[in-house]
Structures are given as C-alpha cells and as structure tokens.
Amino acid sequence: MGSIRNRPASDHLFMDFYYQGIRCREQTSLTDTPVNRKLLQKQLIKIEAAIILGSFNYAETFPNSKHVDRLNVTASKGQFPLFQDFVPIWLKQKIPEWRYSYSMCVRSKLRRWLIPAFGQMPVNAITKSDILGFRATITNGENRERLTNKSANQVMSMLRMILEAASEQYQFPMSYAGINSLKVPRLDIIPFTLDEVYMIINRVREDFRNYFTVKFFTAMRTGEVDGLKWKYVDFERHQILVRETWVCRRVEYTKNDGSQRHIHMSEMVYQALQDQFKVTGHTEYVFISCRGAPLNHATVNKIWYSLLSKLNLRKRPPYQTRHTAATLWLAAGENPEWISRQMGHTTTKMLFEVYSRYIPNLTHQDGSAFEKLLQSYKQTLLKIQPDDSNRPS
C-alpha cells in the first residue's frame, strides 16, 4: 500500500506507491499539513483502486511525470497479457462468487503482494522459480513484514487461482504445478470452564451481560451474534434462526450454506433474549450500540480483554466463547450430530477433530468407562464359573 510522505528540504508532500512492480514517487506543490495529507491520501486510494481494476492511466493522472514513457507499457495484441492486466479479468469473473468481505481481502492481497511482484510480467512468463522465490521473500520478510505460513498460503492460493485461470484461457503450461502448501502449526483451542463462564457473565457490564450469555451458550460466531435481528428470534419455538452475519460493517450471507441453521435456546439464552427485548425490542438488531447500529467490534474487544484482566483469566479472543459452548455440550453428553448442527457444521468430523481432547478433562472419564466395562465383564465371568472344589479329581 502506498503512502504520503514529505521532502524535508522543501516540506512538500509526495505520493509513494508501486505501479507495474516499479516504485513511483510523484511530487506535489502541497505543503505538509493535515488537510493536505488527507487530500492526497484520498487521491492515492483512488489511484491504487484503479491500478487493481486495470483502469489506471498514468499519463492522464500525472501528465508531466518522468515515469510516463516507461510505465505505460501494455501487452500488444496477439501476445499474452501482463499479470496486472489479467487480474481485472479474473476479478470480474470471480467476484460474483464471493462475499463482499472476501473480495476486499482479495483486493488487499493483490495490492499489497501480488501486483508489485508480478504486475509487469506476462502471465505465461511467470516460472516455478519465480513463484518459489516470491514465497521465500514473503515468508522471510526480505522486503516487507514477514508473513506466517498460514497467511503466505492464502496469498499463494490466490496466485495459483489466477495463473490457473490464465493458463486455461490462454492455453499455456501451468507453472504452479507441484508446489505444495506450507505446513501450518495446529493451534489449540482454549475454552473456558463452566466456573469461568459464570464468573464472566456475573462480572461483565450489565449492558453486555445478555450479549455474552448468548455467545457462551449458543456457539454462534461473532458476526452471527452481532448481525442478529429480532425477526430471526423465535420465542415461541425457542429458536434462533441464523440467516445473516455482520462483516465489514455490513450484512452478508452466512459463512456457507451449512451455517444457515436453527439454534435451540437454552433457558438461560431464552431469558437473556427476553431481557434484551425489553431494551432493544423496538429496533431491528438485537444488540446495538448507542447509535442504534450493530455493536462495534473494537468496543466489544476492549470490554472483553479488560474484564479478563480484572478476573485474572488467561487472555484469549472472544471467539473462544464458541469453542466453550461446544466443549460444554460435549461434556454434558449431548448428541454430537445435534451439536454439529447447532454450530453450523455439515458433519461431526470437525467436532471430534477440534474438541474431543477436552471431553476427558470435563467428564473425568478418560478411559474409566472402558475399565468399568471390563471389571463388570470379569465379575460376570466369576459368577458363572463352576466351583473348582466340586470338580472330580
């Protein structure tokens, strides 16, 4: 992402950004003031958006720039397009399939990593060596911040999809073949105990008590709780209908089709929502800020982490409330298939992979049930065995 900087000698501002893989600095006659910085920042955002969409014309934007001649380079007819010229074609094809939040994530990664690295290269000229070298650069942090393996895999996956589409459309050998994803360490979940849950609910700010009660005892994702509307709360059937999610300050379709579900309200959740209805029942959303909009994520996090600190509880993200609900349901002996449906999983596979190790700790039956079975079987055998003293010698 580009930046607005100033030249100390003159105190004039200039824009610093990348185009076609080349670093560009365009001077202005504006002095370094907050107003001028804000003005140029808005212009820079428009420029970078146009670069991603392939509609940026350097000569029109900076007609007197010394960079015009060398930067207005495009692939001639009949040749393979440059990476940066194919990206808008690919985006146009893929965006209808994506949620808005994901499309914003894609655009950010394109602008931050892929366009600067491959923008001015023809799509058929990007070799396996180029790809592996790029991956080494972003994971080692040679030019910018170092990406984790998980983040690097996301960027690389995007590059693979673009090259696959270009390879299919322009009929050239796929250069990404044979490149495996980096190994990502598995992160352990850190659910709360039931004692800790009640401690949090009893000590949290009163205006957030109902909010965290719902989060702890429904396993709803943060966006699902934040975007919950009263029309999806069925008090008569004791159900919460998950139909939407709140992401990037807008309502979107749920994470996937499996996330569309009916959640059973326990008595605690039912009572919490009844209490909440007395406060916000006249509004569209269940949980709202003082301005009437869904809760601000930063505000929730501030309250959450402050409370954990006061209670001397291990710091962990609010998403652990979802994991907590799952482990408590399992410990209570609920049907795994029912739990999976409550969480929006299409199968029980993820349930057992992610949460099973917590069941012994919560139920104290780490193998003891099987031991009891064996002991019972042995006792049965002893009862039916004949008395050896009565056997003929």
Protein backbone atom coordinates (compact mmCIF):
# COMPACT_ATOMS: atom_id res chain seq x y z
CA MET A 1 0.00 0.00 0.00
CA GLY A 2 1.31 3.45 -0.90
CA SER A 3 1.94 6.31 1.47
CA ILE A 4 2.03 10.10 1.66
CA ARG A 5 5.43 11.44 2.61
CA ASN A 6 7.20 14.78 2.72
CA ARG A 7 10.50 16.01 1.36
CA PRO A 8 12.36 17.65 4.29
CA ALA A 9 14.21 20.13 2.07
CA SER A 10 11.02 21.76 0.78
CA ASP A 11 8.41 20.39 3.22
CA HIS A 12 6.31 19.47 0.18
CA LEU A 13 4.31 16.26 0.08
CA PHE A 14 4.70 13.47 -2.46
CA MET A 15 2.92 10.17 -3.17
CA ASP A 16 4.93 6.98 -2.84
CA PHE A 17 3.37 3.87 -4.43
CA TYR A 18 4.01 0.87 -6.68
CA TYR A 19 2.81 0.50 -10.27
CA GLN A 20 3.75 -2.36 -12.63
CA GLY A 21 6.21 -3.52 -9.97
CA ILE A 22 8.06 -0.18 -10.02
CA ARG A 23 8.23 2.20 -7.11
CA CYS A 24 6.87 5.61 -8.12
CA ARG A 25 7.27 8.91 -6.32
CA GLU A 26 5.15 11.77 -7.60
CA GLN A 27 5.86 15.23 -6.24
CA THR A 28 3.25 17.88 -5.39
CA SER A 29 3.38 21.56 -4.50
CA LEU A 30 1.33 20.99 -1.35
CA THR A 31 2.95 21.71 1.99
CA ASP A 32 2.85 19.16 4.81
CA THR A 33 -0.37 19.93 6.66
CA PRO A 34 -3.07 17.55 8.00
CA VAL A 35 -5.58 18.87 5.44
CA ASN A 36 -3.21 18.35 2.51
CA ARG A 37 -2.21 14.88 3.72
CA LYS A 38 -5.87 13.87 3.93
CA LEU A 39 -6.50 15.25 0.43
CA LEU A 40 -3.61 13.32 -1.10
CA GLN A 41 -4.48 10.15 0.81
CA LYS A 42 -7.94 10.13 -0.77
CA GLN A 43 -6.38 10.59 -4.22
CA LEU A 44 -3.89 7.78 -3.56
CA ILE A 45 -6.68 5.39 -2.54
CA LYS A 46 -8.44 6.07 -5.86
CA ILE A 47 -5.20 5.53 -7.78
CA GLU A 48 -4.50 2.18 -6.13
CA ALA A 49 -8.08 1.04 -6.70
CA ALA A 50 -7.75 1.92 -10.40
CA ILE A 51 -4.44 0.03 -10.59
CA ILE A 52 -6.08 -3.14 -9.25
CA LEU A 53 -9.02 -2.80 -11.65
CA GLY A 54 -6.66 -2.17 -14.58
CA SER A 55 -8.19 1.24 -15.39
CA PHE A 56 -5.32 3.44 -14.20
CA ASN A 57 -3.82 5.75 -16.84
CA TYR A 58 -0.53 7.16 -15.67
CA ALA A 59 -0.31 9.86 -18.34
CA GLU A 60 -3.74 11.28 -17.52
CA THR A 61 -3.09 11.33 -13.78
CA PHE A 62 0.49 12.61 -13.94
CA PRO A 63 0.88 14.17 -17.41
CA ASN A 64 4.22 15.83 -16.60
CA SER A 65 5.76 12.83 -14.86
CA LYS A 66 9.09 11.47 -15.99
CA HIS A 67 7.69 7.96 -15.42
CA VAL A 68 5.02 8.17 -18.14
CA ASP A 69 7.02 6.73 -21.02
CA ARG A 70 8.35 3.71 -19.20
CA LEU A 71 5.22 2.90 -17.20
CA ASN A 72 2.52 2.99 -19.86
CA VAL A 73 3.54 -0.45 -21.10
CA THR A 74 0.84 -2.89 -22.14
CA ALA A 75 0.84 -6.22 -23.87
CA SER A 76 0.38 -5.88 -27.61
CA LYS A 77 -2.38 -7.66 -29.45
CA GLY A 78 -1.82 -11.33 -30.01
CA GLN A 79 0.54 -11.64 -27.05
CA PHE A 80 -0.09 -12.90 -23.55
CA PRO A 81 -1.38 -10.19 -21.18
CA LEU A 82 0.62 -8.83 -18.30
CA PHE A 83 -0.29 -10.21 -14.88
CA GLN A 84 -1.71 -6.84 -13.82
CA ASP A 85 -3.85 -6.68 -16.97
CA PHE A 86 -5.25 -10.17 -16.48
CA VAL A 87 -6.13 -9.63 -12.81
CA PRO A 88 -9.15 -7.36 -13.58
CA ILE A 89 -10.45 -10.01 -15.99
CA TRP A 90 -10.11 -12.66 -13.30
CA LEU A 91 -11.73 -10.45 -10.65
CA LYS A 92 -14.71 -9.76 -12.88
CA GLN A 93 -15.23 -13.50 -13.29
CA LYS A 94 -14.80 -14.41 -9.61
CA ILE A 95 -16.34 -11.54 -7.61
CA PRO A 96 -19.95 -12.73 -8.15
CA GLU A 97 -18.99 -15.93 -6.28
CA TRP A 98 -17.60 -14.16 -3.22
CA ARG A 99 -18.88 -12.37 -0.18
CA TYR A 100 -18.03 -8.67 -0.03
CA SER A 101 -15.64 -9.18 2.89
CA TYR A 102 -13.69 -11.84 0.99
CA SER A 103 -13.48 -9.71 -2.15
CA MET A 104 -12.00 -6.89 -0.05
CA CYS A 105 -9.46 -9.33 1.36
CA VAL A 106 -8.52 -10.46 -2.16
CA ARG A 107 -8.08 -6.88 -3.38
CA SER A 108 -5.90 -6.09 -0.39
CA LYS A 109 -3.58 -9.03 -1.02
CA LEU A 110 -3.38 -8.22 -4.73
CA ARG A 111 -2.45 -4.62 -3.99
CA ARG A 112 -0.06 -5.48 -1.19
CA TRP A 113 1.78 -8.50 -2.55
CA LEU A 114 0.95 -9.91 -5.97
CA ILE A 115 0.73 -6.82 -8.21
CA PRO A 116 4.08 -5.40 -7.02
CA ALA A 117 5.77 -8.79 -7.51
CA PHE A 118 4.27 -9.98 -10.82
CA GLY A 119 2.37 -6.98 -12.24
CA GLN A 120 4.56 -6.26 -15.27
CA MET A 121 5.31 -9.88 -16.12
CA PRO A 122 3.35 -11.65 -18.90
CA VAL A 123 1.23 -14.36 -17.30
CA ASN A 124 2.94 -17.11 -19.34
CA ALA A 125 6.42 -15.90 -18.35
CA ILE A 126 5.95 -16.47 -14.61
CA THR A 127 8.03 -19.55 -13.84
CA LYS A 128 8.02 -22.01 -10.99
CA SER A 129 11.29 -20.48 -9.86
CA ASP A 130 9.66 -17.02 -9.77
CA ILE A 131 6.81 -18.38 -7.66
CA LEU A 132 9.04 -20.16 -5.16
CA GLY A 133 11.30 -17.11 -4.94
CA PHE A 134 8.30 -14.92 -4.20
CA ARG A 135 7.13 -17.30 -1.48
CA ALA A 136 10.58 -17.26 0.10
CA THR A 137 10.54 -13.47 0.07
CA ILE A 138 7.19 -13.07 1.84
CA THR A 139 7.93 -15.74 4.45
CA ASN A 140 11.43 -14.41 5.19
CA GLY A 141 10.34 -10.79 5.29
CA GLU A 142 13.09 -9.65 2.94
CA ASN A 143 11.27 -6.61 1.56
CA ARG A 144 8.30 -6.09 3.91
CA GLU A 145 6.85 -7.69 7.01
CA ARG A 146 7.21 -11.43 7.33
CA LEU A 147 4.05 -13.45 6.73
CA THR A 148 3.15 -16.52 8.74
CA ASN A 149 2.81 -19.79 6.86
CA LYS A 150 -0.97 -19.52 7.08
CA SER A 151 -1.04 -16.01 5.59
CA ALA A 152 1.54 -16.95 2.96
CA ASN A 153 -0.60 -19.92 1.91
CA GLN A 154 -3.55 -17.57 1.42
CA VAL A 155 -1.53 -15.29 -0.86
CA MET A 156 -0.09 -18.25 -2.75
CA SER A 157 -3.52 -19.81 -3.19
CA MET A 158 -4.72 -16.60 -4.80
CA LEU A 159 -1.71 -16.58 -7.13
CA ARG A 160 -2.41 -20.20 -8.07
CA MET A 161 -6.05 -19.44 -8.93
CA ILE A 162 -5.04 -16.51 -11.13
CA LEU A 163 -2.39 -18.50 -13.00
CA GLU A 164 -4.73 -21.47 -13.41
CA ALA A 165 -7.38 -19.22 -14.94
CA ALA A 166 -4.85 -17.56 -17.24
CA SER A 167 -3.39 -20.93 -18.25
CA GLU A 168 -6.81 -22.25 -19.16
CA GLN A 169 -7.88 -19.13 -21.01
CA TYR A 170 -4.68 -18.54 -23.00
CA GLN A 171 -3.57 -22.18 -23.33
CA PHE A 172 -0.06 -22.23 -21.87
CA PRO A 173 1.54 -24.71 -19.43
CA MET A 174 0.63 -24.20 -15.80
CA SER A 175 3.74 -23.07 -13.89
CA TYR A 176 2.28 -23.57 -10.40
CA ALA A 177 2.05 -27.37 -10.70
CA GLY A 178 3.82 -29.34 -7.99
CA ILE A 179 4.04 -26.53 -5.41
CA ASN A 180 2.63 -27.68 -2.09
CA SER A 181 1.26 -25.52 0.69
CA LEU A 182 3.46 -24.69 3.66
CA LYS A 183 2.78 -26.59 6.86
CA VAL A 184 0.69 -24.64 9.35
CA PRO A 185 1.04 -25.49 13.05
CA ARG A 186 -2.24 -26.54 14.57
CA LEU A 187 -3.48 -24.06 17.14
CA ASP A 188 -5.06 -25.45 20.29
CA ILE A 189 -8.37 -24.04 21.39
CA ILE A 190 -8.61 -22.58 24.89
CA PRO A 191 -12.22 -22.90 26.07
CA PHE A 192 -13.42 -21.59 29.41
CA THR A 193 -14.58 -23.80 32.25
CA LEU A 194 -18.17 -23.50 33.44
CA ASP A 195 -16.97 -21.73 36.58
CA GLU A 196 -15.12 -19.18 34.45
CA VAL A 197 -18.16 -18.67 32.22
CA TYR A 198 -20.38 -17.81 35.18
CA MET A 199 -17.65 -15.60 36.62
CA ILE A 200 -17.51 -13.61 33.36
CA ILE A 201 -21.28 -13.32 32.97
CA ASN A 202 -21.72 -12.21 36.58
CA ARG A 203 -18.95 -9.61 36.41
CA VAL A 204 -19.34 -8.18 32.90
CA ARG A 205 -21.00 -4.80 32.37
CA GLU A 206 -24.75 -5.14 32.73
CA ASP A 207 -25.43 -3.83 29.23
CA PHE A 208 -23.24 -6.62 27.82
CA ARG A 209 -24.42 -9.49 30.05
CA ASN A 210 -27.10 -10.70 27.66
CA TYR A 211 -24.70 -10.41 24.73
CA PHE A 212 -22.07 -12.68 26.28
CA THR A 213 -24.69 -15.08 27.61
CA VAL A 214 -25.85 -15.65 24.04
CA LYS A 215 -22.25 -16.04 22.83
CA PHE A 216 -21.31 -18.54 25.53
CA PHE A 217 -24.37 -20.77 25.25
CA THR A 218 -25.22 -20.81 21.52
CA ALA A 219 -21.80 -21.27 19.82
CA MET A 220 -22.75 -18.52 17.38
CA ARG A 221 -19.92 -16.85 15.50
CA THR A 222 -19.19 -13.24 16.37
CA GLY A 223 -20.63 -11.89 13.11
CA GLU A 224 -23.75 -14.01 13.58
CA VAL A 225 -24.42 -12.58 17.05
CA ASP A 226 -23.55 -9.01 16.04
CA GLY A 227 -25.85 -9.19 12.99
CA LEU A 228 -28.74 -10.97 14.74
CA LYS A 229 -32.10 -9.34 14.05
CA TRP A 230 -35.25 -9.69 16.11
CA LYS A 231 -37.15 -11.15 13.17
CA TYR A 232 -34.86 -14.20 13.45
CA VAL A 233 -35.58 -14.76 17.16
CA ASP A 234 -38.49 -17.20 17.57
CA PHE A 235 -39.52 -17.10 21.23
CA GLU A 236 -42.49 -19.37 20.63
CA ARG A 237 -40.33 -22.25 19.36
CA HIS A 238 -37.29 -21.35 21.47
CA GLN A 239 -35.15 -20.98 18.35
CA ILE A 240 -32.62 -18.56 16.88
CA LEU A 241 -32.59 -18.60 13.09
CA VAL A 242 -29.11 -17.91 11.73
CA ARG A 243 -29.60 -16.32 8.32
CA GLU A 244 -27.10 -13.45 8.12
CA THR A 245 -23.79 -12.26 9.51
CA TRP A 246 -22.31 -8.82 10.18
CA VAL A 247 -18.92 -8.38 8.49
CA CYS A 248 -17.04 -5.23 7.48
CA ARG A 249 -19.91 -3.11 8.84
CA ARG A 250 -22.48 -4.65 6.54
CA VAL A 251 -24.93 -7.56 6.49
CA GLU A 252 -23.83 -10.55 4.43
CA TYR A 253 -24.86 -14.12 3.75
CA THR A 254 -23.53 -16.57 6.32
CA LYS A 255 -20.09 -18.16 6.03
CA ASN A 256 -21.52 -21.01 3.94
CA ASP A 257 -24.80 -22.84 3.31
CA GLY A 258 -24.21 -25.11 6.32
CA SER A 259 -24.16 -22.05 8.56
CA GLN A 260 -27.85 -21.45 7.79
CA ARG A 261 -29.38 -23.19 10.80
CA HIS A 262 -31.81 -23.16 13.73
CA ILE A 263 -30.22 -22.90 17.17
CA HIS A 264 -32.11 -24.17 20.21
CA MET A 265 -32.38 -21.63 23.02
CA SER A 266 -31.49 -22.98 26.41
CA GLU A 267 -33.40 -21.45 29.32
CA MET A 268 -30.50 -19.07 30.04
CA VAL A 269 -30.40 -17.85 26.44
CA TYR A 270 -34.18 -17.57 26.29
CA GLN A 271 -34.25 -15.43 29.44
CA ALA A 272 -31.32 -13.30 28.27
CA LEU A 273 -33.09 -12.53 24.98
CA GLN A 274 -36.35 -11.80 26.79
CA ASP A 275 -34.48 -9.29 28.95
CA GLN A 276 -32.74 -7.84 25.90
CA PHE A 277 -36.06 -7.42 24.10
CA LYS A 278 -37.16 -5.02 26.82
CA VAL A 279 -34.18 -2.82 25.90
CA THR A 280 -33.82 -3.12 22.12
CA GLY A 281 -37.05 -4.79 21.03
CA HIS A 282 -38.11 -1.60 19.24
CA THR A 283 -35.04 -1.75 16.97
CA GLU A 284 -34.07 -4.04 14.08
CA TYR A 285 -30.99 -5.57 15.67
CA VAL A 286 -30.83 -7.45 18.96
CA PHE A 287 -27.54 -5.98 20.17
CA ILE A 288 -26.83 -2.38 19.28
CA SER A 289 -24.53 0.49 20.12
CA CYS A 290 -25.67 3.82 21.50
CA ARG A 291 -26.10 4.96 17.88
CA GLY A 292 -28.52 2.16 17.08
CA ALA A 293 -26.13 0.23 14.82
CA PRO A 294 -24.73 -3.27 15.47
CA LEU A 295 -22.00 -3.35 18.10
CA ASN A 296 -18.56 -2.08 17.17
CA HIS A 297 -16.04 -4.92 17.25
CA ALA A 298 -13.34 -2.71 18.79
CA THR A 299 -15.67 -1.72 21.64
CA VAL A 300 -16.56 -5.34 22.40
CA ASN A 301 -12.88 -6.34 22.42
CA LYS A 302 -11.99 -3.51 24.79
CA ILE A 303 -14.64 -4.60 27.28
CA TRP A 304 -13.74 -8.27 26.87
CA TYR A 305 -9.99 -8.03 27.42
CA SER A 306 -10.37 -5.55 30.26
CA LEU A 307 -12.69 -7.97 32.06
CA LEU A 308 -10.37 -10.96 31.58
CA SER A 309 -7.55 -8.92 33.07
CA LYS A 310 -9.62 -7.92 36.11
CA LEU A 311 -10.65 -11.53 36.68
CA ASN A 312 -7.06 -12.77 36.25
CA LEU A 313 -8.19 -15.11 33.47
CA ARG A 314 -5.91 -16.18 30.64
CA LYS A 315 -6.09 -13.76 27.71
CA ARG A 316 -7.88 -15.24 24.72
CA PRO A 317 -10.07 -13.87 21.89
CA PRO A 318 -13.87 -13.65 22.20
CA TYR A 319 -14.15 -16.41 19.57
CA GLN A 320 -13.28 -18.86 22.36
CA THR A 321 -16.88 -18.48 23.54
CA ARG A 322 -17.88 -20.61 20.54
CA HIS A 323 -15.35 -23.28 21.47
CA THR A 324 -16.57 -23.14 25.06
CA ALA A 325 -20.15 -23.89 24.07
CA ALA A 326 -19.03 -26.91 22.06
CA THR A 327 -16.95 -28.41 24.87
CA LEU A 328 -19.69 -27.86 27.45
CA TRP A 329 -22.28 -29.54 25.22
CA LEU A 330 -19.98 -32.50 24.70
CA ALA A 331 -19.24 -32.75 28.41
CA ALA A 332 -22.97 -32.76 29.14
CA GLY A 333 -23.38 -35.76 26.85
CA GLU A 334 -25.33 -34.07 24.07
CA ASN A 335 -25.58 -35.91 20.75
CA PRO A 336 -22.56 -34.98 18.57
CA GLU A 337 -24.76 -34.70 15.48
CA TRP A 338 -27.03 -32.24 17.30
CA ILE A 339 -24.00 -30.22 18.43
CA SER A 340 -22.67 -30.10 14.88
CA ARG A 341 -25.98 -28.79 13.60
CA GLN A 342 -26.06 -26.14 16.33
CA MET A 343 -22.60 -24.97 15.28
CA GLY A 344 -23.31 -24.97 11.56
CA HIS A 345 -21.10 -27.94 10.67
CA THR A 346 -22.34 -30.31 7.99
CA THR A 347 -20.64 -33.34 9.60
CA THR A 348 -19.28 -34.34 13.00
CA LYS A 349 -15.72 -34.66 11.65
CA MET A 350 -14.59 -31.18 12.72
CA LEU A 351 -16.30 -31.59 16.08
CA PHE A 352 -14.23 -34.62 17.03
CA GLU A 353 -11.01 -33.31 15.49
CA VAL A 354 -11.14 -29.98 17.29
CA TYR A 355 -12.89 -30.65 20.60
CA SER A 356 -12.57 -34.31 21.54
CA ARG A 357 -9.49 -33.93 23.73
CA TYR A 358 -11.43 -31.74 26.15
CA ILE A 359 -14.09 -34.34 26.88
CA PRO A 360 -11.97 -36.41 29.31
CA ASN A 361 -10.94 -33.30 31.22
CA LEU A 362 -14.53 -32.19 31.62
CA THR A 363 -16.19 -35.53 32.33
CA HIS A 364 -13.32 -37.25 34.15
CA GLN A 365 -13.92 -40.37 32.06
CA ASP A 366 -10.53 -40.62 30.39
CA GLY A 367 -10.68 -44.41 29.90
CA SER A 368 -12.51 -45.15 33.14
CA ALA A 369 -15.74 -46.08 31.36
CA PHE A 370 -13.92 -48.83 29.48
CA GLU A 371 -12.26 -50.01 32.68
CA LYS A 372 -15.68 -50.29 34.32
CA LEU A 373 -16.90 -52.36 31.39
CA LEU A 374 -14.00 -54.78 31.75
CA GLN A 375 -14.47 -55.07 35.50
CA SER A 376 -18.17 -55.75 35.04
CA TYR A 377 -17.39 -58.45 32.48
CA LYS A 378 -14.89 -60.10 34.83
CA GLN A 379 -17.43 -60.10 37.66
CA THR A 380 -19.96 -61.74 35.37
CA LEU A 381 -17.47 -64.47 34.42
CA LEU A 382 -16.72 -65.22 38.06
CA LYS A 383 -20.41 -65.67 38.82
CA ILE A 384 -20.97 -68.22 36.05
CA GLN A 385 -17.76 -70.20 36.55
CA PRO A 386 -18.25 -73.56 38.40
CA ASP A 387 -16.79 -74.06 41.85
CA ASP A 388 -13.42 -75.89 41.42
CA SER A 389 -13.83 -77.70 44.77
CA ASN A 390 -16.75 -79.73 43.40
CA ARG A 391 -14.87 -80.90 40.34
CA PRO A 392 -13.99 -84.64 40.25
CA SER A 393 -10.32 -85.37 40.84
